[in-house]
Amino acid sequence: MAIDFGQKRSGIAVTDPLQMIATGLETVPSGQLLDYIKKYMSREVVECIVVGEPRDMQNNASDASRFTEPFVKRLQLAFPEMSVKRYDERFTSKMAFQTMIDAGLSRKKRQDKALIDTVSATIILQSYLESIKHHHKL
């Protein structure tokens, strides 16, 4: 599972059991995110939660990390047995927007911030999955 955490809402993506393809799941209000994850994990197997890590162009924590870090701590407290990983989320919003253009979505759909968050979470998860596969090949 991957999360593109935002102050107001957060995009969520999941993968198939073989961890081949990331799929957008939903965008939920950030205040309801832990409850959503608990409900999801009660019916689905989750091996790891990947949270997008906001970084700036110099690879330092960006301003947005002051919101993300407290959430990650709450996540780790709520699910102490769960592996929580961080993954660089630079450019995911731009990539999500371009993906929506490439998919032929209308301007109105592309302005749907909730959809952008879900697509961003999908890109974070797919990138993470590809990095794991690449790392295992080395």
N, C-alpha and C. Protein backbone atom coordinates (compact mmCIF):
# COMPACT_ATOMS: atom_id res chain seq x y z
N MET A 1 0.85 -1.18 0.00
CA MET A 1 0.00 0.00 0.00
C MET A 1 0.89 1.24 0.00
N ALA A 2 0.49 2.24 -0.76
CA ALA A 2 1.23 3.51 -0.77
C ALA A 2 0.27 4.64 -0.46
N ILE A 3 0.80 5.66 0.19
CA ILE A 3 0.01 6.82 0.58
C ILE A 3 0.71 8.08 0.11
N ASP A 4 -0.04 8.92 -0.60
CA ASP A 4 0.42 10.27 -0.93
C ASP A 4 -0.28 11.17 0.08
N PHE A 5 0.39 11.45 1.19
CA PHE A 5 -0.23 12.18 2.30
C PHE A 5 -0.30 13.66 2.01
N GLY A 6 -1.46 14.24 2.27
CA GLY A 6 -1.65 15.67 2.13
C GLY A 6 -2.34 16.24 3.35
N GLN A 7 -2.28 17.53 3.52
CA GLN A 7 -2.90 18.17 4.68
C GLN A 7 -4.41 17.91 4.71
N LYS A 8 -5.06 18.00 3.56
CA LYS A 8 -6.51 17.86 3.51
C LYS A 8 -6.94 16.45 3.15
N ARG A 9 -6.31 15.87 2.14
CA ARG A 9 -6.72 14.54 1.68
C ARG A 9 -5.46 13.77 1.27
N SER A 10 -5.62 12.46 1.25
CA SER A 10 -4.48 11.59 0.93
C SER A 10 -4.90 10.54 -0.09
N GLY A 11 -4.06 10.36 -1.10
CA GLY A 11 -4.30 9.33 -2.10
C GLY A 11 -3.74 8.01 -1.62
N ILE A 12 -4.43 6.93 -1.97
CA ILE A 12 -4.00 5.59 -1.57
C ILE A 12 -3.94 4.70 -2.81
N ALA A 13 -2.89 3.89 -2.88
CA ALA A 13 -2.74 2.93 -3.97
C ALA A 13 -2.35 1.58 -3.36
N VAL A 14 -2.70 0.53 -4.06
CA VAL A 14 -2.35 -0.82 -3.62
C VAL A 14 -1.80 -1.59 -4.82
N THR A 15 -1.26 -2.76 -4.54
CA THR A 15 -0.73 -3.59 -5.61
C THR A 15 -1.35 -4.98 -5.55
N ASP A 16 -1.16 -5.74 -6.59
CA ASP A 16 -1.65 -7.11 -6.67
C ASP A 16 -0.77 -8.01 -5.80
N PRO A 17 -1.22 -9.25 -5.53
CA PRO A 17 -0.43 -10.15 -4.67
C PRO A 17 0.99 -10.42 -5.19
N LEU A 18 1.20 -10.36 -6.50
CA LEU A 18 2.53 -10.58 -7.06
C LEU A 18 3.39 -9.30 -7.08
N GLN A 19 2.79 -8.21 -6.64
CA GLN A 19 3.45 -6.90 -6.57
C GLN A 19 4.01 -6.47 -7.92
N MET A 20 3.16 -6.60 -8.94
CA MET A 20 3.55 -6.22 -10.30
C MET A 20 3.02 -4.84 -10.69
N ILE A 21 1.75 -4.59 -10.39
CA ILE A 21 1.08 -3.38 -10.87
C ILE A 21 0.46 -2.62 -9.70
N ALA A 22 0.76 -1.34 -9.63
CA ALA A 22 0.12 -0.47 -8.64
C ALA A 22 -1.20 0.03 -9.21
N THR A 23 -2.21 0.08 -8.36
CA THR A 23 -3.54 0.53 -8.77
C THR A 23 -4.05 1.56 -7.77
N GLY A 24 -4.58 2.66 -8.27
CA GLY A 24 -5.17 3.66 -7.39
C GLY A 24 -6.37 3.07 -6.67
N LEU A 25 -6.46 3.30 -5.37
CA LEU A 25 -7.56 2.77 -4.59
C LEU A 25 -8.58 3.85 -4.30
N GLU A 26 -8.15 4.91 -3.64
CA GLU A 26 -9.10 5.94 -3.24
C GLU A 26 -8.34 7.15 -2.71
N THR A 27 -9.05 8.26 -2.61
CA THR A 27 -8.54 9.43 -1.90
C THR A 27 -9.48 9.65 -0.73
N VAL A 28 -8.91 9.80 0.45
CA VAL A 28 -9.73 9.97 1.65
C VAL A 28 -9.27 11.23 2.40
N PRO A 29 -10.18 11.84 3.16
CA PRO A 29 -9.75 12.97 3.99
C PRO A 29 -8.65 12.51 4.95
N SER A 30 -7.59 13.27 5.07
CA SER A 30 -6.43 12.86 5.86
C SER A 30 -6.79 12.57 7.32
N GLY A 31 -7.77 13.27 7.86
CA GLY A 31 -8.20 13.03 9.23
C GLY A 31 -8.84 11.67 9.43
N GLN A 32 -9.30 11.05 8.34
CA GLN A 32 -9.94 9.74 8.41
C GLN A 32 -9.02 8.61 7.92
N LEU A 33 -7.79 8.96 7.61
CA LEU A 33 -6.89 8.02 6.95
C LEU A 33 -6.56 6.79 7.80
N LEU A 34 -6.22 6.98 9.06
CA LEU A 34 -5.88 5.82 9.91
C LEU A 34 -7.06 4.86 10.03
N ASP A 35 -8.26 5.40 10.22
CA ASP A 35 -9.45 4.54 10.30
C ASP A 35 -9.68 3.79 9.00
N TYR A 36 -9.47 4.48 7.88
CA TYR A 36 -9.63 3.84 6.57
C TYR A 36 -8.64 2.67 6.42
N ILE A 37 -7.39 2.92 6.80
CA ILE A 37 -6.35 1.89 6.69
C ILE A 37 -6.70 0.69 7.58
N LYS A 38 -7.14 0.95 8.80
CA LYS A 38 -7.53 -0.14 9.72
C LYS A 38 -8.62 -1.01 9.09
N LYS A 39 -9.65 -0.36 8.54
CA LYS A 39 -10.74 -1.12 7.91
C LYS A 39 -10.23 -1.91 6.71
N TYR A 40 -9.40 -1.28 5.90
CA TYR A 40 -8.87 -1.96 4.72
C TYR A 40 -8.04 -3.17 5.13
N MET A 41 -7.18 -2.99 6.13
CA MET A 41 -6.30 -4.08 6.55
C MET A 41 -7.05 -5.20 7.26
N SER A 42 -8.27 -4.94 7.72
CA SER A 42 -9.06 -6.00 8.34
C SER A 42 -9.59 -6.98 7.30
N ARG A 43 -9.60 -6.56 6.02
CA ARG A 43 -10.12 -7.45 4.97
C ARG A 43 -9.11 -7.78 3.88
N GLU A 44 -7.97 -7.09 3.87
CA GLU A 44 -6.95 -7.32 2.85
C GLU A 44 -5.58 -7.48 3.49
N VAL A 45 -4.70 -8.23 2.84
CA VAL A 45 -3.34 -8.41 3.33
C VAL A 45 -2.48 -7.23 2.86
N VAL A 46 -1.81 -6.62 3.80
CA VAL A 46 -0.89 -5.53 3.50
C VAL A 46 0.46 -5.90 4.12
N GLU A 47 1.49 -5.99 3.28
CA GLU A 47 2.83 -6.35 3.77
C GLU A 47 3.62 -5.15 4.24
N CYS A 48 3.37 -4.01 3.61
CA CYS A 48 4.19 -2.83 3.85
C CYS A 48 3.37 -1.60 3.47
N ILE A 49 3.61 -0.50 4.17
CA ILE A 49 2.98 0.77 3.80
C ILE A 49 4.10 1.72 3.38
N VAL A 50 3.99 2.24 2.17
CA VAL A 50 4.97 3.18 1.63
C VAL A 50 4.34 4.56 1.67
N VAL A 51 5.00 5.48 2.34
CA VAL A 51 4.48 6.85 2.45
C VAL A 51 5.39 7.76 1.64
N GLY A 52 4.78 8.55 0.77
CA GLY A 52 5.55 9.50 -0.02
C GLY A 52 6.29 10.46 0.88
N GLU A 53 7.56 10.67 0.55
CA GLU A 53 8.41 11.56 1.35
C GLU A 53 8.66 12.84 0.57
N PRO A 54 8.11 13.96 1.06
CA PRO A 54 8.30 15.22 0.35
C PRO A 54 9.74 15.72 0.46
N ARG A 55 10.39 15.91 -0.67
CA ARG A 55 11.78 16.37 -0.73
C ARG A 55 11.85 17.59 -1.64
N ASP A 56 12.85 18.44 -1.43
CA ASP A 56 13.05 19.57 -2.34
C ASP A 56 14.10 19.18 -3.38
N MET A 57 14.45 20.12 -4.23
CA MET A 57 15.37 19.83 -5.33
C MET A 57 16.79 19.51 -4.85
N GLN A 58 17.13 19.90 -3.61
CA GLN A 58 18.43 19.57 -3.05
C GLN A 58 18.38 18.28 -2.23
N ASN A 59 17.27 17.56 -2.35
CA ASN A 59 17.05 16.28 -1.65
C ASN A 59 16.94 16.43 -0.14
N ASN A 60 16.53 17.62 0.31
CA ASN A 60 16.26 17.85 1.73
C ASN A 60 14.76 17.72 1.97
N ALA A 61 14.39 17.50 3.22
CA ALA A 61 12.96 17.45 3.56
C ALA A 61 12.33 18.79 3.18
N SER A 62 11.19 18.74 2.51
CA SER A 62 10.52 19.98 2.10
C SER A 62 9.59 20.46 3.22
N ASP A 63 8.99 21.63 3.01
CA ASP A 63 8.07 22.19 4.01
C ASP A 63 6.93 21.23 4.32
N ALA A 64 6.48 20.47 3.33
CA ALA A 64 5.35 19.56 3.52
C ALA A 64 5.67 18.44 4.51
N SER A 65 6.95 18.18 4.75
CA SER A 65 7.32 17.09 5.65
C SER A 65 6.88 17.37 7.09
N ARG A 66 6.65 18.63 7.43
CA ARG A 66 6.19 18.92 8.79
C ARG A 66 4.78 18.39 9.03
N PHE A 67 4.04 18.09 7.96
CA PHE A 67 2.73 17.47 8.09
C PHE A 67 2.83 15.95 7.95
N THR A 68 3.75 15.51 7.09
CA THR A 68 3.89 14.08 6.82
C THR A 68 4.50 13.33 8.00
N GLU A 69 5.53 13.91 8.61
CA GLU A 69 6.24 13.20 9.68
C GLU A 69 5.34 12.84 10.87
N PRO A 70 4.50 13.76 11.36
CA PRO A 70 3.60 13.37 12.46
C PRO A 70 2.64 12.24 12.06
N PHE A 71 2.20 12.25 10.80
CA PHE A 71 1.32 11.17 10.33
C PHE A 71 2.07 9.84 10.35
N VAL A 72 3.31 9.83 9.87
CA VAL A 72 4.10 8.59 9.84
C VAL A 72 4.27 8.05 11.26
N LYS A 73 4.52 8.93 12.22
CA LYS A 73 4.65 8.50 13.62
C LYS A 73 3.34 7.88 14.12
N ARG A 74 2.20 8.51 13.81
CA ARG A 74 0.89 7.95 14.21
C ARG A 74 0.65 6.61 13.53
N LEU A 75 1.05 6.50 12.29
CA LEU A 75 0.90 5.25 11.54
C LEU A 75 1.70 4.13 12.20
N GLN A 76 2.94 4.44 12.57
CA GLN A 76 3.80 3.44 13.21
C GLN A 76 3.27 3.03 14.58
N LEU A 77 2.67 3.97 15.30
CA LEU A 77 2.07 3.64 16.60
C LEU A 77 0.81 2.79 16.43
N ALA A 78 0.01 3.11 15.41
CA ALA A 78 -1.23 2.37 15.17
C ALA A 78 -0.97 0.96 14.66
N PHE A 79 0.12 0.78 13.91
CA PHE A 79 0.45 -0.52 13.32
C PHE A 79 1.91 -0.87 13.61
N PRO A 80 2.24 -1.15 14.88
CA PRO A 80 3.65 -1.37 15.24
C PRO A 80 4.29 -2.57 14.53
N GLU A 81 3.48 -3.53 14.11
CA GLU A 81 4.02 -4.72 13.44
C GLU A 81 4.22 -4.51 11.94
N MET A 82 3.73 -3.41 11.43
CA MET A 82 3.77 -3.13 9.98
C MET A 82 5.05 -2.40 9.60
N SER A 83 5.63 -2.84 8.49
CA SER A 83 6.78 -2.15 7.94
C SER A 83 6.29 -0.87 7.25
N VAL A 84 6.82 0.27 7.66
CA VAL A 84 6.47 1.56 7.05
C VAL A 84 7.72 2.10 6.40
N LYS A 85 7.66 2.29 5.09
CA LYS A 85 8.81 2.78 4.32
C LYS A 85 8.50 4.18 3.80
N ARG A 86 9.55 4.94 3.57
CA ARG A 86 9.42 6.27 2.96
C ARG A 86 9.95 6.18 1.55
N TYR A 87 9.32 6.93 0.62
CA TYR A 87 9.80 6.92 -0.76
C TYR A 87 9.66 8.33 -1.33
N ASP A 88 10.71 8.78 -1.97
CA ASP A 88 10.77 10.12 -2.56
C ASP A 88 9.56 10.36 -3.47
N GLU A 89 8.83 11.43 -3.19
CA GLU A 89 7.65 11.72 -4.00
C GLU A 89 7.81 12.94 -4.89
N ARG A 90 9.06 13.40 -5.06
CA ARG A 90 9.27 14.55 -5.95
C ARG A 90 8.71 14.26 -7.33
N PHE A 91 8.06 15.23 -7.89
CA PHE A 91 7.52 15.20 -9.26
C PHE A 91 6.27 14.32 -9.42
N THR A 92 5.82 13.63 -8.37
CA THR A 92 4.68 12.72 -8.59
C THR A 92 3.42 13.47 -8.99
N SER A 93 3.18 14.66 -8.43
CA SER A 93 1.98 15.41 -8.82
C SER A 93 2.06 15.83 -10.29
N LYS A 94 3.25 16.27 -10.72
CA LYS A 94 3.42 16.64 -12.14
C LYS A 94 3.27 15.41 -13.03
N MET A 95 3.85 14.28 -12.59
CA MET A 95 3.74 13.04 -13.36
C MET A 95 2.27 12.58 -13.41
N ALA A 96 1.57 12.73 -12.30
CA ALA A 96 0.16 12.33 -12.26
C ALA A 96 -0.65 13.17 -13.25
N PHE A 97 -0.40 14.46 -13.24
CA PHE A 97 -1.12 15.35 -14.15
C PHE A 97 -0.83 14.98 -15.61
N GLN A 98 0.45 14.72 -15.92
CA GLN A 98 0.81 14.33 -17.29
C GLN A 98 0.20 12.99 -17.66
N THR A 99 0.17 12.06 -16.73
CA THR A 99 -0.46 10.75 -16.98
C THR A 99 -1.93 10.93 -17.32
N MET A 100 -2.60 11.85 -16.62
CA MET A 100 -4.01 12.10 -16.89
C MET A 100 -4.21 12.71 -18.27
N ILE A 101 -3.30 13.59 -18.67
CA ILE A 101 -3.36 14.17 -20.02
C ILE A 101 -3.15 13.07 -21.06
N ASP A 102 -2.12 12.25 -20.83
CA ASP A 102 -1.80 11.16 -21.76
C ASP A 102 -2.96 10.17 -21.88
N ALA A 103 -3.71 10.00 -20.80
CA ALA A 103 -4.85 9.08 -20.80
C ALA A 103 -6.08 9.69 -21.46
N GLY A 104 -5.97 10.97 -21.85
CA GLY A 104 -7.08 11.61 -22.55
C GLY A 104 -8.19 12.11 -21.63
N LEU A 105 -7.89 12.28 -20.33
CA LEU A 105 -8.92 12.78 -19.42
C LEU A 105 -9.25 14.23 -19.74
N SER A 106 -10.49 14.58 -19.57
CA SER A 106 -10.94 15.94 -19.84
C SER A 106 -10.30 16.92 -18.86
N ARG A 107 -10.33 18.18 -19.22
CA ARG A 107 -9.77 19.22 -18.35
C ARG A 107 -10.45 19.19 -16.99
N LYS A 108 -11.76 18.98 -16.98
CA LYS A 108 -12.50 18.95 -15.72
C LYS A 108 -11.99 17.81 -14.83
N LYS A 109 -11.79 16.63 -15.40
CA LYS A 109 -11.28 15.48 -14.64
C LYS A 109 -9.86 15.75 -14.13
N ARG A 110 -9.04 16.41 -14.97
CA ARG A 110 -7.65 16.69 -14.58
C ARG A 110 -7.57 17.70 -13.44
N GLN A 111 -8.63 18.48 -13.24
CA GLN A 111 -8.66 19.45 -12.15
C GLN A 111 -9.15 18.84 -10.85
N ASP A 112 -9.54 17.56 -10.88
CA ASP A 112 -10.01 16.85 -9.70
C ASP A 112 -8.81 16.51 -8.82
N LYS A 113 -8.60 17.30 -7.77
CA LYS A 113 -7.41 17.12 -6.92
C LYS A 113 -7.40 15.75 -6.25
N ALA A 114 -8.57 15.21 -5.93
CA ALA A 114 -8.63 13.87 -5.32
C ALA A 114 -8.10 12.83 -6.30
N LEU A 115 -8.44 12.97 -7.57
CA LEU A 115 -7.94 12.03 -8.57
C LEU A 115 -6.42 12.17 -8.73
N ILE A 116 -5.93 13.39 -8.70
CA ILE A 116 -4.48 13.61 -8.79
C ILE A 116 -3.78 12.94 -7.60
N ASP A 117 -4.36 13.03 -6.41
CA ASP A 117 -3.76 12.40 -5.23
C ASP A 117 -3.71 10.88 -5.37
N THR A 118 -4.78 10.29 -5.90
CA THR A 118 -4.80 8.84 -6.09
C THR A 118 -3.77 8.42 -7.14
N VAL A 119 -3.70 9.15 -8.23
CA VAL A 119 -2.72 8.84 -9.28
C VAL A 119 -1.30 9.03 -8.73
N SER A 120 -1.09 10.05 -7.93
CA SER A 120 0.23 10.27 -7.32
C SER A 120 0.62 9.10 -6.43
N ALA A 121 -0.31 8.61 -5.62
CA ALA A 121 -0.03 7.45 -4.77
C ALA A 121 0.31 6.23 -5.63
N THR A 122 -0.37 6.09 -6.75
CA THR A 122 -0.11 4.97 -7.66
C THR A 122 1.31 5.07 -8.22
N ILE A 123 1.73 6.27 -8.60
CA ILE A 123 3.07 6.48 -9.13
C ILE A 123 4.12 6.20 -8.05
N ILE A 124 3.87 6.63 -6.82
CA ILE A 124 4.79 6.36 -5.71
C ILE A 124 4.96 4.85 -5.55
N LEU A 125 3.83 4.13 -5.53
CA LEU A 125 3.89 2.68 -5.32
C LEU A 125 4.57 1.97 -6.48
N GLN A 126 4.23 2.35 -7.71
CA GLN A 126 4.84 1.69 -8.87
C GLN A 126 6.35 1.96 -8.89
N SER A 127 6.76 3.17 -8.57
CA SER A 127 8.19 3.50 -8.52
C SER A 127 8.88 2.70 -7.43
N TYR A 128 8.24 2.57 -6.27
CA TYR A 128 8.80 1.79 -5.18
C TYR A 128 8.96 0.32 -5.58
N LEU A 129 7.92 -0.25 -6.20
CA LEU A 129 7.98 -1.65 -6.64
C LEU A 129 9.11 -1.86 -7.63
N GLU A 130 9.26 -0.93 -8.57
CA GLU A 130 10.33 -1.04 -9.57
C GLU A 130 11.70 -0.91 -8.92
N SER A 131 11.82 -0.05 -7.90
CA SER A 131 13.12 0.11 -7.23
C SER A 131 13.50 -1.17 -6.49
N ILE A 132 12.52 -1.84 -5.91
CA ILE A 132 12.79 -3.12 -5.21
C ILE A 132 13.26 -4.17 -6.21
N LYS A 133 12.58 -4.28 -7.34
CA LYS A 133 12.97 -5.25 -8.36
C LYS A 133 14.37 -4.95 -8.87
N HIS A 134 14.66 -3.68 -9.10
CA HIS A 134 15.99 -3.29 -9.59
C HIS A 134 17.06 -3.62 -8.55
N HIS A 135 16.75 -3.35 -7.29
CA HIS A 135 17.71 -3.60 -6.21
C HIS A 135 18.01 -5.09 -6.08
N HIS A 136 16.97 -5.94 -6.26
CA HIS A 136 17.18 -7.40 -6.17
C HIS A 136 18.02 -7.94 -7.32
N LYS A 137 18.00 -7.24 -8.47
CA LYS A 137 18.77 -7.70 -9.63
C LYS A 137 20.25 -7.37 -9.48
N LEU A 138 20.58 -6.40 -8.64
CA LEU A 138 21.99 -5.98 -8.49
C LEU A 138 22.82 -6.99 -7.76
